[in-house]
Amino acid sequence: MNNIGSRIKKLREEKGITQDLMAYELNMTQSNYGRLEKDDRRLNVPKIEKIADVLNLSISIIFGEKSDSIQETNKALRKNEIITQQDNEHIISLKEEIIFLRKFLEKIVS
């Protein structure tokens, strides 16, 4: 596994986000997304920007930079979060259900 891809995987798992949800957000299949985490040659700037956006992280974190200012900013943001962790988990669960239902409907319609 590559450096950037393994970091993305670790960050995604820490956030409790599935590959299916990431694939949906990036408008690709889960298998194609999985390949991004294994082969960083497939990554480009727009994909990295979108991944950072979905993970709610700065791109510098994805590239492994850990400056104090970034960590302090993240701490401040966490303190000011309006959505609780439980709400966030519920939202993620709902998104995954929507993805499942869309795939299910695509199979029925085809």
PDB file of N, CA and C in Angstrom:
ATOM      1  N   MET A   1       0.848  -1.179   0.000  1.00  0.00           N
ATOM      2  CA  MET A   1       0.000   0.000   0.000  1.00  0.00           C
ATOM      3  C   MET A   1       0.890   1.237   0.000  1.00  0.00           C
ATOM      4  N   ASN A   2       0.422   2.281  -0.632  1.00  0.00           N
ATOM      5  CA  ASN A   2       1.194   3.514  -0.765  1.00  0.00           C
ATOM      6  C   ASN A   2       0.987   4.414   0.442  1.00  0.00           C
ATOM      7  N   ASN A   3       1.801   5.450   0.548  1.00  0.00           N
ATOM      8  CA  ASN A   3       1.725   6.372   1.687  1.00  0.00           C
ATOM      9  C   ASN A   3       0.430   7.162   1.750  1.00  0.00           C
ATOM     10  N   ILE A   4       0.105   7.856   0.677  1.00  0.00           N
ATOM     11  CA  ILE A   4      -1.086   8.709   0.687  1.00  0.00           C
ATOM     12  C   ILE A   4      -2.343   7.853   0.806  1.00  0.00           C
ATOM     13  N   GLY A   5      -2.406   6.794   0.037  1.00  0.00           N
ATOM     14  CA  GLY A   5      -3.570   5.907   0.092  1.00  0.00           C
ATOM     15  C   GLY A   5      -3.771   5.302   1.461  1.00  0.00           C
ATOM     16  N   SER A   6      -2.688   4.890   2.097  1.00  0.00           N
ATOM     17  CA  SER A   6      -2.819   4.302   3.440  1.00  0.00           C
ATOM     18  C   SER A   6      -3.237   5.363   4.456  1.00  0.00           C
ATOM     19  N   ARG A   7      -2.760   6.597   4.285  1.00  0.00           N
ATOM     20  CA  ARG A   7      -3.196   7.679   5.173  1.00  0.00           C
ATOM     21  C   ARG A   7      -4.677   7.968   4.990  1.00  0.00           C
ATOM     22  N   ILE A   8      -5.116   7.999   3.733  1.00  0.00           N
ATOM     23  CA  ILE A   8      -6.529   8.244   3.448  1.00  0.00           C
ATOM     24  C   ILE A   8      -7.373   7.145   4.076  1.00  0.00           C
ATOM     25  N   LYS A   9      -6.953   5.910   3.919  1.00  0.00           N
ATOM     26  CA  LYS A   9      -7.696   4.788   4.500  1.00  0.00           C
ATOM     27  C   LYS A   9      -7.785   4.928   6.013  1.00  0.00           C
ATOM     28  N   LYS A  10      -6.660   5.226   6.645  1.00  0.00           N
ATOM     29  CA  LYS A  10      -6.630   5.368   8.102  1.00  0.00           C
ATOM     30  C   LYS A  10      -7.541   6.506   8.558  1.00  0.00           C
ATOM     31  N   LEU A  11      -7.468   7.641   7.887  1.00  0.00           N
ATOM     32  CA  LEU A  11      -8.297   8.793   8.242  1.00  0.00           C
ATOM     33  C   LEU A  11      -9.780   8.492   8.023  1.00  0.00           C
ATOM     34  N   ARG A  12     -10.077   7.806   6.925  1.00  0.00           N
ATOM     35  CA  ARG A  12     -11.455   7.441   6.625  1.00  0.00           C
ATOM     36  C   ARG A  12     -12.012   6.516   7.699  1.00  0.00           C
ATOM     37  N   GLU A  13     -11.216   5.512   8.076  1.00  0.00           N
ATOM     38  CA  GLU A  13     -11.652   4.564   9.105  1.00  0.00           C
ATOM     39  C   GLU A  13     -11.806   5.246  10.460  1.00  0.00           C
ATOM     40  N   GLU A  14     -10.907   6.181  10.784  1.00  0.00           N
ATOM     41  CA  GLU A  14     -11.016   6.922  12.046  1.00  0.00           C
ATOM     42  C   GLU A  14     -12.318   7.715  12.111  1.00  0.00           C
ATOM     43  N   LYS A  15     -12.776   8.182  10.953  1.00  0.00           N
ATOM     44  CA  LYS A  15     -14.023   8.956  10.890  1.00  0.00           C
ATOM     45  C   LYS A  15     -15.251   8.045  10.817  1.00  0.00           C
ATOM     46  N   GLY A  16     -15.017   6.738  10.677  1.00  0.00           N
ATOM     47  CA  GLY A  16     -16.135   5.805  10.587  1.00  0.00           C
ATOM     48  C   GLY A  16     -16.865   5.868   9.257  1.00  0.00           C
ATOM     49  N   ILE A  17     -16.158   6.257   8.211  1.00  0.00           N
ATOM     50  CA  ILE A  17     -16.756   6.386   6.882  1.00  0.00           C
ATOM     51  C   ILE A  17     -16.382   5.162   6.052  1.00  0.00           C
ATOM     52  N   THR A  18     -17.371   4.577   5.403  1.00  0.00           N
ATOM     53  CA  THR A  18     -17.132   3.385   4.595  1.00  0.00           C
ATOM     54  C   THR A  18     -16.595   3.750   3.217  1.00  0.00           C
ATOM     55  N   GLN A  19     -16.015   2.743   2.560  1.00  0.00           N
ATOM     56  CA  GLN A  19     -15.579   2.938   1.182  1.00  0.00           C
ATOM     57  C   GLN A  19     -16.773   3.223   0.280  1.00  0.00           C
ATOM     58  N   ASP A  20     -17.918   2.608   0.567  1.00  0.00           N
ATOM     59  CA  ASP A  20     -19.116   2.861  -0.233  1.00  0.00           C
ATOM     60  C   ASP A  20     -19.507   4.338  -0.197  1.00  0.00           C
ATOM     61  N   LEU A  21     -19.480   4.914   0.984  1.00  0.00           N
ATOM     62  CA  LEU A  21     -19.845   6.326   1.109  1.00  0.00           C
ATOM     63  C   LEU A  21     -18.824   7.214   0.399  1.00  0.00           C
ATOM     64  N   MET A  22     -17.543   6.905   0.566  1.00  0.00           N
ATOM     65  CA  MET A  22     -16.509   7.693  -0.123  1.00  0.00           C
ATOM     66  C   MET A  22     -16.697   7.594  -1.636  1.00  0.00           C
ATOM     67  N   ALA A  23     -16.962   6.377  -2.116  1.00  0.00           N
ATOM     68  CA  ALA A  23     -17.166   6.181  -3.553  1.00  0.00           C
ATOM     69  C   ALA A  23     -18.354   7.000  -4.038  1.00  0.00           C
ATOM     70  N   TYR A  24     -19.415   6.984  -3.265  1.00  0.00           N
ATOM     71  CA  TYR A  24     -20.602   7.759  -3.632  1.00  0.00           C
ATOM     72  C   TYR A  24     -20.258   9.250  -3.723  1.00  0.00           C
ATOM     73  N   GLU A  25     -19.564   9.756  -2.714  1.00  0.00           N
ATOM     74  CA  GLU A  25     -19.207  11.179  -2.685  1.00  0.00           C
ATOM     75  C   GLU A  25     -18.280  11.562  -3.838  1.00  0.00           C
ATOM     76  N   LEU A  26     -17.466  10.606  -4.291  1.00  0.00           N
ATOM     77  CA  LEU A  26     -16.529  10.865  -5.383  1.00  0.00           C
ATOM     78  C   LEU A  26     -17.113  10.481  -6.746  1.00  0.00           C
ATOM     79  N   ASN A  27     -18.382  10.028  -6.718  1.00  0.00           N
ATOM     80  CA  ASN A  27     -19.075   9.635  -7.948  1.00  0.00           C
ATOM     81  C   ASN A  27     -18.329   8.530  -8.697  1.00  0.00           C
ATOM     82  N   MET A  28     -18.002   7.465  -7.966  1.00  0.00           N
ATOM     83  CA  MET A  28     -17.323   6.318  -8.566  1.00  0.00           C
ATOM     84  C   MET A  28     -17.799   5.046  -7.867  1.00  0.00           C
ATOM     85  N   THR A  29     -17.399   3.916  -8.387  1.00  0.00           N
ATOM     86  CA  THR A  29     -17.777   2.653  -7.747  1.00  0.00           C
ATOM     87  C   THR A  29     -16.905   2.407  -6.528  1.00  0.00           C
ATOM     88  N   GLN A  30     -17.397   1.559  -5.645  1.00  0.00           N
ATOM     89  CA  GLN A  30     -16.631   1.217  -4.442  1.00  0.00           C
ATOM     90  C   GLN A  30     -15.317   0.551  -4.824  1.00  0.00           C
ATOM     91  N   SER A  31     -15.347  -0.322  -5.826  1.00  0.00           N
ATOM     92  CA  SER A  31     -14.108  -1.005  -6.210  1.00  0.00           C
ATOM     93  C   SER A  31     -13.074  -0.020  -6.758  1.00  0.00           C
ATOM     94  N   ASN A  32     -13.527   0.975  -7.521  1.00  0.00           N
ATOM     95  CA  ASN A  32     -12.590   1.991  -8.014  1.00  0.00           C
ATOM     96  C   ASN A  32     -12.042   2.830  -6.866  1.00  0.00           C
ATOM     97  N   TYR A  33     -12.906   3.152  -5.900  1.00  0.00           N
ATOM     98  CA  TYR A  33     -12.409   3.900  -4.746  1.00  0.00           C
ATOM     99  C   TYR A  33     -11.379   3.075  -3.979  1.00  0.00           C
ATOM    100  N   GLY A  34     -11.675   1.791  -3.776  1.00  0.00           N
ATOM    101  CA  GLY A  34     -10.740   0.918  -3.070  1.00  0.00           C
ATOM    102  C   GLY A  34      -9.370   0.901  -3.731  1.00  0.00           C
ATOM    103  N   ARG A  35      -9.371   0.959  -5.055  1.00  0.00           N
ATOM    104  CA  ARG A  35      -8.097   0.989  -5.785  1.00  0.00           C
ATOM    105  C   ARG A  35      -7.326   2.277  -5.516  1.00  0.00           C
ATOM    106  N   LEU A  36      -8.048   3.383  -5.289  1.00  0.00           N
ATOM    107  CA  LEU A  36      -7.372   4.651  -4.969  1.00  0.00           C
ATOM    108  C   LEU A  36      -6.566   4.527  -3.687  1.00  0.00           C
ATOM    109  N   GLU A  37      -7.136   3.828  -2.708  1.00  0.00           N
ATOM    110  CA  GLU A  37      -6.427   3.674  -1.438  1.00  0.00           C
ATOM    111  C   GLU A  37      -5.219   2.755  -1.584  1.00  0.00           C
ATOM    112  N   LYS A  38      -5.223   1.889  -2.584  1.00  0.00           N
ATOM    113  CA  LYS A  38      -4.121   0.941  -2.776  1.00  0.00           C
ATOM    114  C   LYS A  38      -3.075   1.429  -3.768  1.00  0.00           C
ATOM    115  N   ASP A  39      -3.463   2.315  -4.667  1.00  0.00           N
ATOM    116  CA  ASP A  39      -2.554   2.757  -5.724  1.00  0.00           C
ATOM    117  C   ASP A  39      -2.683   4.265  -5.899  1.00  0.00           C
ATOM    118  N   ASP A  40      -1.792   5.021  -5.232  1.00  0.00           N
ATOM    119  CA  ASP A  40      -1.936   6.476  -5.251  1.00  0.00           C
ATOM    120  C   ASP A  40      -1.639   7.102  -6.613  1.00  0.00           C
ATOM    121  N   ARG A  41      -1.168   6.333  -7.571  1.00  0.00           N
ATOM    122  CA  ARG A  41      -0.965   6.888  -8.915  1.00  0.00           C
ATOM    123  C   ARG A  41      -2.297   7.251  -9.557  1.00  0.00           C
ATOM    124  N   ARG A  42      -3.384   6.687  -9.030  1.00  0.00           N
ATOM    125  CA  ARG A  42      -4.717   6.978  -9.550  1.00  0.00           C
ATOM    126  C   ARG A  42      -5.277   8.289  -8.984  1.00  0.00           C
ATOM    127  N   LEU A  43      -4.636   8.816  -7.955  1.00  0.00           N
ATOM    128  CA  LEU A  43      -5.120  10.050  -7.327  1.00  0.00           C
ATOM    129  C   LEU A  43      -4.697  11.274  -8.133  1.00  0.00           C
ATOM    130  N   ASN A  44      -5.573  12.253  -8.183  1.00  0.00           N
ATOM    131  CA  ASN A  44      -5.231  13.536  -8.787  1.00  0.00           C
ATOM    132  C   ASN A  44      -5.708  14.625  -7.828  1.00  0.00           C
ATOM    133  N   VAL A  45      -5.373  15.859  -8.132  1.00  0.00           N
ATOM    134  CA  VAL A  45      -5.681  16.960  -7.224  1.00  0.00           C
ATOM    135  C   VAL A  45      -7.180  17.079  -6.946  1.00  0.00           C
ATOM    136  N   PRO A  46      -8.045  17.060  -7.966  1.00  0.00           N
ATOM    137  CA  PRO A  46      -9.481  17.172  -7.651  1.00  0.00           C
ATOM    138  C   PRO A  46      -9.989  16.037  -6.746  1.00  0.00           C
ATOM    139  N   LYS A  47      -9.483  14.827  -6.950  1.00  0.00           N
ATOM    140  CA  LYS A  47      -9.911  13.708  -6.103  1.00  0.00           C
ATOM    141  C   LYS A  47      -9.423  13.900  -4.664  1.00  0.00           C
ATOM    142  N   ILE A  48      -8.188  14.334  -4.517  1.00  0.00           N
ATOM    143  CA  ILE A  48      -7.652  14.567  -3.178  1.00  0.00           C
ATOM    144  C   ILE A  48      -8.423  15.684  -2.485  1.00  0.00           C
ATOM    145  N   GLU A  49      -8.757  16.738  -3.222  1.00  0.00           N
ATOM    146  CA  GLU A  49      -9.540  17.833  -2.647  1.00  0.00           C
ATOM    147  C   GLU A  49     -10.907  17.339  -2.181  1.00  0.00           C
ATOM    148  N   LYS A  50     -11.553  16.508  -2.993  1.00  0.00           N
ATOM    149  CA  LYS A  50     -12.878  15.988  -2.640  1.00  0.00           C
ATOM    150  C   LYS A  50     -12.786  15.049  -1.438  1.00  0.00           C
ATOM    151  N   ILE A  51     -11.751  14.201  -1.400  1.00  0.00           N
ATOM    152  CA  ILE A  51     -11.546  13.300  -0.264  1.00  0.00           C
ATOM    153  C   ILE A  51     -11.359  14.112   1.008  1.00  0.00           C
ATOM    154  N   ALA A  52     -10.528  15.145   0.940  1.00  0.00           N
ATOM    155  CA  ALA A  52     -10.305  16.004   2.109  1.00  0.00           C
ATOM    156  C   ALA A  52     -11.608  16.654   2.547  1.00  0.00           C
ATOM    157  N   ASP A  53     -12.413  17.067   1.581  1.00  0.00           N
ATOM    158  CA  ASP A  53     -13.700  17.695   1.884  1.00  0.00           C
ATOM    159  C   ASP A  53     -14.637  16.697   2.577  1.00  0.00           C
ATOM    160  N   VAL A  54     -14.730  15.497   2.042  1.00  0.00           N
ATOM    161  CA  VAL A  54     -15.608  14.473   2.631  1.00  0.00           C
ATOM    162  C   VAL A  54     -15.140  14.125   4.044  1.00  0.00           C
ATOM    163  N   LEU A  55     -13.827  14.031   4.229  1.00  0.00           N
ATOM    164  CA  LEU A  55     -13.281  13.694   5.544  1.00  0.00           C
ATOM    165  C   LEU A  55     -13.245  14.895   6.477  1.00  0.00           C
ATOM    166  N   ASN A  56     -13.576  16.060   5.937  1.00  0.00           N
ATOM    167  CA  ASN A  56     -13.565  17.296   6.718  1.00  0.00           C
ATOM    168  C   ASN A  56     -12.172  17.562   7.315  1.00  0.00           C
ATOM    169  N   LEU A  57     -11.180  17.418   6.446  1.00  0.00           N
ATOM    170  CA  LEU A  57      -9.784  17.625   6.840  1.00  0.00           C
ATOM    171  C   LEU A  57      -9.097  18.538   5.837  1.00  0.00           C
ATOM    172  N   SER A  58      -7.998  19.109   6.257  1.00  0.00           N
ATOM    173  CA  SER A  58      -7.203  19.876   5.307  1.00  0.00           C
ATOM    174  C   SER A  58      -6.358  18.902   4.481  1.00  0.00           C
ATOM    175  N   ILE A  59      -6.056  19.308   3.271  1.00  0.00           N
ATOM    176  CA  ILE A  59      -5.242  18.461   2.391  1.00  0.00           C
ATOM    177  C   ILE A  59      -3.882  18.181   3.021  1.00  0.00           C
ATOM    178  N   SER A  60      -3.364  19.139   3.778  1.00  0.00           N
ATOM    179  CA  SER A  60      -2.050  18.941   4.395  1.00  0.00           C
ATOM    180  C   SER A  60      -2.045  17.744   5.341  1.00  0.00           C
ATOM    181  N   ILE A  61      -3.168  17.467   5.999  1.00  0.00           N
ATOM    182  CA  ILE A  61      -3.256  16.300   6.882  1.00  0.00           C
ATOM    183  C   ILE A  61      -3.139  15.022   6.059  1.00  0.00           C
ATOM    184  N   ILE A  62      -3.790  14.993   4.900  1.00  0.00           N
ATOM    185  CA  ILE A  62      -3.712  13.810   4.026  1.00  0.00           C
ATOM    186  C   ILE A  62      -2.271  13.554   3.607  1.00  0.00           C
ATOM    187  N   PHE A  63      -1.506  14.622   3.414  1.00  0.00           N
ATOM    188  CA  PHE A  63      -0.108  14.466   3.023  1.00  0.00           C
ATOM    189  C   PHE A  63       0.828  14.285   4.213  1.00  0.00           C
ATOM    190  N   GLY A  64       0.262  14.180   5.398  1.00  0.00           N
ATOM    191  CA  GLY A  64       1.059  13.841   6.574  1.00  0.00           C
ATOM    192  C   GLY A  64       1.657  15.002   7.317  1.00  0.00           C
ATOM    193  N   GLU A  65       1.298  16.235   6.957  1.00  0.00           N
ATOM    194  CA  GLU A  65       1.813  17.386   7.686  1.00  0.00           C
ATOM    195  C   GLU A  65       1.034  17.537   8.979  1.00  0.00           C
ATOM    196  N   LYS A  66       1.739  17.743  10.064  1.00  0.00           N
ATOM    197  CA  LYS A  66       1.080  17.853  11.363  1.00  0.00           C
ATOM    198  C   LYS A  66       1.603  19.065  12.115  1.00  0.00           C
ATOM    199  N   SER A  67       1.292  20.219  11.580  1.00  0.00           N
ATOM    200  CA  SER A  67       1.754  21.431  12.254  1.00  0.00           C
ATOM    201  C   SER A  67       0.864  21.730  13.444  1.00  0.00           C
ATOM    202  N   ASP A  68       1.398  22.417  14.422  1.00  0.00           N
ATOM    203  CA  ASP A  68       0.639  22.768  15.613  1.00  0.00           C
ATOM    204  C   ASP A  68      -0.569  23.624  15.267  1.00  0.00           C
ATOM    205  N   SER A  69      -0.416  24.528  14.297  1.00  0.00           N
ATOM    206  CA  SER A  69      -1.535  25.409  13.970  1.00  0.00           C
ATOM    207  C   SER A  69      -2.713  24.617  13.404  1.00  0.00           C
ATOM    208  N   ILE A  70      -2.439  23.613  12.605  1.00  0.00           N
ATOM    209  CA  ILE A  70      -3.517  22.788  12.061  1.00  0.00           C
ATOM    210  C   ILE A  70      -4.200  22.019  13.186  1.00  0.00           C
ATOM    211  N   GLN A  71      -3.398  21.457  14.091  1.00  0.00           N
ATOM    212  CA  GLN A  71      -3.983  20.712  15.203  1.00  0.00           C
ATOM    213  C   GLN A  71      -4.807  21.626  16.100  1.00  0.00           C
ATOM    214  N   GLU A  72      -4.320  22.827  16.354  1.00  0.00           N
ATOM    215  CA  GLU A  72      -5.070  23.777  17.179  1.00  0.00           C
ATOM    216  C   GLU A  72      -6.380  24.177  16.504  1.00  0.00           C
ATOM    217  N   THR A  73      -6.328  24.377  15.194  1.00  0.00           N
ATOM    218  CA  THR A  73      -7.544  24.719  14.454  1.00  0.00           C
ATOM    219  C   THR A  73      -8.549  23.588  14.538  1.00  0.00           C
ATOM    220  N   ASN A  74      -8.078  22.354  14.362  1.00  0.00           N
ATOM    221  CA  ASN A  74      -8.977  21.202  14.452  1.00  0.00           C
ATOM    222  C   ASN A  74      -9.594  21.087  15.836  1.00  0.00           C
ATOM    223  N   LYS A  75      -8.811  21.340  16.890  1.00  0.00           N
ATOM    224  CA  LYS A  75      -9.347  21.289  18.252  1.00  0.00           C
ATOM    225  C   LYS A  75     -10.431  22.350  18.439  1.00  0.00           C
ATOM    226  N   ALA A  76     -10.178  23.547  17.937  1.00  0.00           N
ATOM    227  CA  ALA A  76     -11.153  24.624  18.060  1.00  0.00           C
ATOM    228  C   ALA A  76     -12.437  24.281  17.315  1.00  0.00           C
ATOM    229  N   LEU A  77     -12.289  23.694  16.138  1.00  0.00           N
ATOM    230  CA  LEU A  77     -13.472  23.303  15.374  1.00  0.00           C
ATOM    231  C   LEU A  77     -14.277  22.236  16.104  1.00  0.00           C
ATOM    232  N   ARG A  78     -13.581  21.258  16.692  1.00  0.00           N
ATOM    233  CA  ARG A  78     -14.284  20.195  17.432  1.00  0.00           C
ATOM    234  C   ARG A  78     -15.053  20.764  18.614  1.00  0.00           C
ATOM    235  N   LYS A  79     -14.494  21.759  19.293  1.00  0.00           N
ATOM    236  CA  LYS A  79     -15.175  22.363  20.437  1.00  0.00           C
ATOM    237  C   LYS A  79     -16.434  23.083  20.002  1.00  0.00           C
ATOM    238  N   ASN A  80     -16.418  23.636  18.804  1.00  0.00           N
ATOM    239  CA  ASN A  80     -17.543  24.431  18.324  1.00  0.00           C
ATOM    240  C   ASN A  80     -18.516  23.641  17.456  1.00  0.00           C
ATOM    241  N   GLU A  81     -18.346  22.314  17.386  1.00  0.00           N
ATOM    242  CA  GLU A  81     -19.238  21.516  16.559  1.00  0.00           C
ATOM    243  C   GLU A  81     -20.670  21.610  17.065  1.00  0.00           C
ATOM    244  N   ILE A  82     -21.566  21.865  16.153  1.00  0.00           N
ATOM    245  CA  ILE A  82     -22.975  21.922  16.490  1.00  0.00           C
ATOM    246  C   ILE A  82     -23.564  20.518  16.450  1.00  0.00           C
ATOM    247  N   ILE A  83     -23.122  19.721  15.500  1.00  0.00           N
ATOM    248  CA  ILE A  83     -23.608  18.354  15.359  1.00  0.00           C
ATOM    249  C   ILE A  83     -22.827  17.454  16.315  1.00  0.00           C
ATOM    250  N   THR A  84     -23.536  16.682  17.100  1.00  0.00           N
ATOM    251  CA  THR A  84     -22.882  15.771  18.029  1.00  0.00           C
ATOM    252  C   THR A  84     -22.350  14.560  17.275  1.00  0.00           C
ATOM    253  N   GLN A  85     -21.493  13.790  17.913  1.00  0.00           N
ATOM    254  CA  GLN A  85     -20.951  12.579  17.302  1.00  0.00           C
ATOM    255  C   GLN A  85     -22.081  11.608  16.978  1.00  0.00           C
ATOM    256  N   GLN A  86     -23.062  11.515  17.871  1.00  0.00           N
ATOM    257  CA  GLN A  86     -24.190  10.617  17.643  1.00  0.00           C
ATOM    258  C   GLN A  86     -24.985  11.057  16.406  1.00  0.00           C
ATOM    259  N   ASP A  87     -25.206  12.362  16.268  1.00  0.00           N
ATOM    260  CA  ASP A  87     -25.893  12.879  15.088  1.00  0.00           C
ATOM    261  C   ASP A  87     -25.086  12.589  13.829  1.00  0.00           C
ATOM    262  N   ASN A  88     -23.781  12.771  13.905  1.00  0.00           N
ATOM    263  CA  ASN A  88     -22.911  12.525  12.770  1.00  0.00           C
ATOM    264  C   ASN A  88     -22.982  11.060  12.347  1.00  0.00           C
ATOM    265  N   GLU A  89     -22.951  10.151  13.311  1.00  0.00           N
ATOM    266  CA  GLU A  89     -23.044   8.722  13.009  1.00  0.00           C
ATOM    267  C   GLU A  89     -24.387   8.396  12.366  1.00  0.00           C
ATOM    268  N   HIS A  90     -25.441   9.043  12.845  1.00  0.00           N
ATOM    269  CA  HIS A  90     -26.768   8.824  12.266  1.00  0.00           C
ATOM    270  C   HIS A  90     -26.811   9.314  10.819  1.00  0.00           C
ATOM    271  N   ILE A  91     -26.217  10.468  10.564  1.00  0.00           N
ATOM    272  CA  ILE A  91     -26.166  11.016   9.203  1.00  0.00           C
ATOM    273  C   ILE A  91     -25.405  10.065   8.286  1.00  0.00           C
ATOM    274  N   ILE A  92     -24.280   9.557   8.744  1.00  0.00           N
ATOM    275  CA  ILE A  92     -23.488   8.610   7.949  1.00  0.00           C
ATOM    276  C   ILE A  92     -24.312   7.370   7.651  1.00  0.00           C
ATOM    277  N   SER A  93     -25.007   6.872   8.656  1.00  0.00           N
ATOM    278  CA  SER A  93     -25.855   5.696   8.482  1.00  0.00           C
ATOM    279  C   SER A  93     -26.939   5.956   7.437  1.00  0.00           C
ATOM    280  N   LEU A  94     -27.550   7.123   7.489  1.00  0.00           N
ATOM    281  CA  LEU A  94     -28.586   7.469   6.513  1.00  0.00           C
ATOM    282  C   LEU A  94     -28.012   7.559   5.099  1.00  0.00           C
ATOM    283  N   LYS A  95     -26.830   8.140   4.982  1.00  0.00           N
ATOM    284  CA  LYS A  95     -26.191   8.229   3.664  1.00  0.00           C
ATOM    285  C   LYS A  95     -25.926   6.837   3.105  1.00  0.00           C
ATOM    286  N   GLU A  96     -25.459   5.932   3.957  1.00  0.00           N
ATOM    287  CA  GLU A  96     -25.189   4.569   3.511  1.00  0.00           C
ATOM    288  C   GLU A  96     -26.469   3.862   3.087  1.00  0.00           C
ATOM    289  N   GLU A  97     -27.558   4.111   3.798  1.00  0.00           N
ATOM    290  CA  GLU A  97     -28.845   3.529   3.418  1.00  0.00           C
ATOM    291  C   GLU A  97     -29.299   4.064   2.063  1.00  0.00           C
ATOM    292  N   ILE A  98     -29.092   5.342   1.826  1.00  0.00           N
ATOM    293  CA  ILE A  98     -29.460   5.939   0.538  1.00  0.00           C
ATOM    294  C   ILE A  98     -28.649   5.298  -0.587  1.00  0.00           C
ATOM    295  N   ILE A  99     -27.359   5.112  -0.357  1.00  0.00           N
ATOM    296  CA  ILE A  99     -26.502   4.481  -1.362  1.00  0.00           C
ATOM    297  C   ILE A  99     -27.020   3.078  -1.663  1.00  0.00           C
ATOM    298  N   PHE A 100     -27.328   2.327  -0.614  1.00  0.00           N
ATOM    299  CA  PHE A 100     -27.836   0.965  -0.783  1.00  0.00           C
ATOM    300  C   PHE A 100     -29.129   0.980  -1.588  1.00  0.00           C
ATOM    301  N   LEU A 101     -30.056   1.863  -1.234  1.00  0.00           N
ATOM    302  CA  LEU A 101     -31.338   1.923  -1.928  1.00  0.00           C
ATOM    303  C   LEU A 101     -31.175   2.332  -3.391  1.00  0.00           C
ATOM    304  N   ARG A 102     -30.256   3.248  -3.668  1.00  0.00           N
ATOM    305  CA  ARG A 102     -30.007   3.644  -5.056  1.00  0.00           C
ATOM    306  C   ARG A 102     -29.491   2.465  -5.867  1.00  0.00           C
ATOM    307  N   LYS A 103     -28.549   1.713  -5.293  1.00  0.00           N
ATOM    308  CA  LYS A 103     -28.011   0.544  -5.990  1.00  0.00           C
ATOM    309  C   LYS A 103     -29.102  -0.495  -6.188  1.00  0.00           C
ATOM    310  N   PHE A 104     -29.933  -0.682  -5.168  1.00  0.00           N
ATOM    311  CA  PHE A 104     -31.021  -1.638  -5.239  1.00  0.00           C
ATOM    312  C   PHE A 104     -32.004  -1.247  -6.350  1.00  0.00           C
ATOM    313  N   LEU A 105     -32.359   0.040  -6.408  1.00  0.00           N
ATOM    314  CA  LEU A 105     -33.275   0.517  -7.432  1.00  0.00           C
ATOM    315  C   LEU A 105     -32.671   0.407  -8.831  1.00  0.00           C
ATOM    316  N   GLU A 106     -31.371   0.650  -8.940  1.00  0.00           N
ATOM    317  CA  GLU A 106     -30.703   0.515 -10.238  1.00  0.00           C
ATOM    318  C   GLU A 106     -30.806  -0.921 -10.738  1.00  0.00           C
ATOM    319  N   LYS A 107     -30.672  -1.888  -9.832  1.00  0.00           N
ATOM    320  CA  LYS A 107     -30.771  -3.300 -10.222  1.00  0.00           C
ATOM    321  C   LYS A 107     -32.183  -3.647 -10.648  1.00  0.00           C
ATOM    322  N   ILE A 108     -33.173  -3.089  -9.963  1.00  0.00           N
ATOM    323  CA  ILE A 108     -34.558  -3.383 -10.301  1.00  0.00           C
ATOM    324  C   ILE A 108     -34.927  -2.798 -11.652  1.00  0.00           C
ATOM    325  N   VAL A 109     -34.480  -1.567 -11.899  1.00  0.00           N
ATOM    326  CA  VAL A 109     -34.811  -0.863 -13.131  1.00  0.00           C
ATOM    327  C   VAL A 109     -34.091  -1.477 -14.318  1.00  0.00           C
ATOM    328  N   SER A 110     -32.878  -1.989 -14.120  1.00  0.00           N
ATOM    329  CA  SER A 110     -32.101  -2.538 -15.251  1.00  0.00           C
ATOM    330  C   SER A 110     -32.647  -3.836 -15.753  1.00  0.00           C
TER     331      SER A 110
END
